Protein backbone atom coordinates (compact mmCIF):
# COMPACT_ATOMS: atom_id res chain seq x y z
CA MET A 1 0.00 0.00 0.00
CA ASP A 2 1.29 3.41 -0.85
CA GLN A 3 0.87 6.54 1.23
CA SER A 4 -2.26 7.80 -0.56
CA GLU A 5 -4.05 4.47 -0.08
CA LEU A 6 -3.15 4.47 3.60
CA GLN A 7 -4.40 8.02 3.95
CA ALA A 8 -7.65 7.14 2.16
CA LEU A 9 -8.13 4.17 4.48
CA ALA A 10 -7.39 6.33 7.53
CA ASP A 11 -9.94 8.88 6.32
CA LYS A 12 -12.56 6.15 5.91
CA VAL A 13 -11.83 4.83 9.40
CA ASP A 14 -12.15 8.35 10.81
CA ARG A 15 -15.51 8.82 9.06
CA LEU A 16 -16.67 5.43 10.35
CA ILE A 17 -15.68 6.34 13.90
CA ALA A 18 -17.48 9.69 13.62
CA HIS A 19 -20.57 7.94 12.25
CA CYS A 20 -20.52 5.42 15.12
CA GLU A 21 -20.26 8.22 17.67
CA LYS A 22 -23.19 10.01 16.04
CA LEU A 23 -25.24 6.80 16.12
CA GLU A 24 -24.41 6.29 19.79
CA GLN A 25 -25.61 9.81 20.58
CA GLU A 26 -28.81 9.29 18.59
CA ASN A 27 -29.38 5.95 20.29
CA SER A 28 -28.93 7.55 23.69
CA ALA A 29 -31.41 10.30 22.79
CA ILE A 30 -33.93 7.74 21.53
CA ARG A 31 -33.58 5.68 24.72
CA GLN A 32 -34.14 8.81 26.83
CA SER A 33 -37.17 9.71 24.75
CA GLN A 34 -38.52 6.18 25.14
CA ASP A 35 -38.05 6.39 28.91
CA ASP A 36 -39.92 9.71 28.95
CA TRP A 37 -42.78 8.26 26.89
CA ASN A 38 -42.97 5.20 29.15
CA ARG A 39 -43.13 7.43 32.24
CA GLU A 40 -45.86 9.56 30.67
CA ARG A 41 -47.77 6.44 29.63
CA SER A 42 -47.60 5.11 33.18
CA GLN A 43 -48.91 8.40 34.56
CA LEU A 44 -51.76 8.45 32.04
CA ILE A 45 -52.71 4.88 32.91
CA GLN A 46 -52.82 5.83 36.60
CA LYS A 47 -54.97 8.88 35.86
CA ASN A 48 -57.27 6.78 33.69
CA ASP A 49 -57.66 4.19 36.46
CA LEU A 50 -58.40 6.92 38.99
CA ALA A 51 -61.02 8.47 36.70
CA ARG A 52 -62.57 5.04 36.04
CA ASN A 53 -62.79 4.33 39.78
CA LYS A 54 -64.41 7.71 40.45
CA ILE A 55 -66.94 7.17 37.66
CA GLU A 56 -67.74 3.66 38.90
CA ALA A 57 -68.24 5.06 42.40
CA MET A 58 -70.59 7.76 41.07
CA ILE A 59 -72.56 5.17 39.11
CA GLY A 60 -72.82 3.07 42.24
CA ARG A 61 -74.12 6.03 44.23
CA LEU A 62 -76.64 6.90 41.49
CA ARG A 63 -77.92 3.33 41.43
CA ALA A 64 -78.24 3.37 45.20
CA LEU A 65 -80.26 6.61 44.98
CA GLU A 66 -82.54 5.06 42.34
CA GLN A 67 -83.32 2.12 44.59
CA HIS A 68 -84.34 4.30 47.52
């Protein structure tokens, strides 16, 4: 291999390393975003369950009022 081929190979390796670093950063950002979405989903599920329980309790009270 002559000097220009070695330099071309070194340039390709440098670009590959830079690309890998960029992908690692993107992957980290995606994982963080996924964690955020999972947290928000969990909170929404809890709020939905709370609302469902309140509505079921109200329906129960309404039915009890109807029977009296």
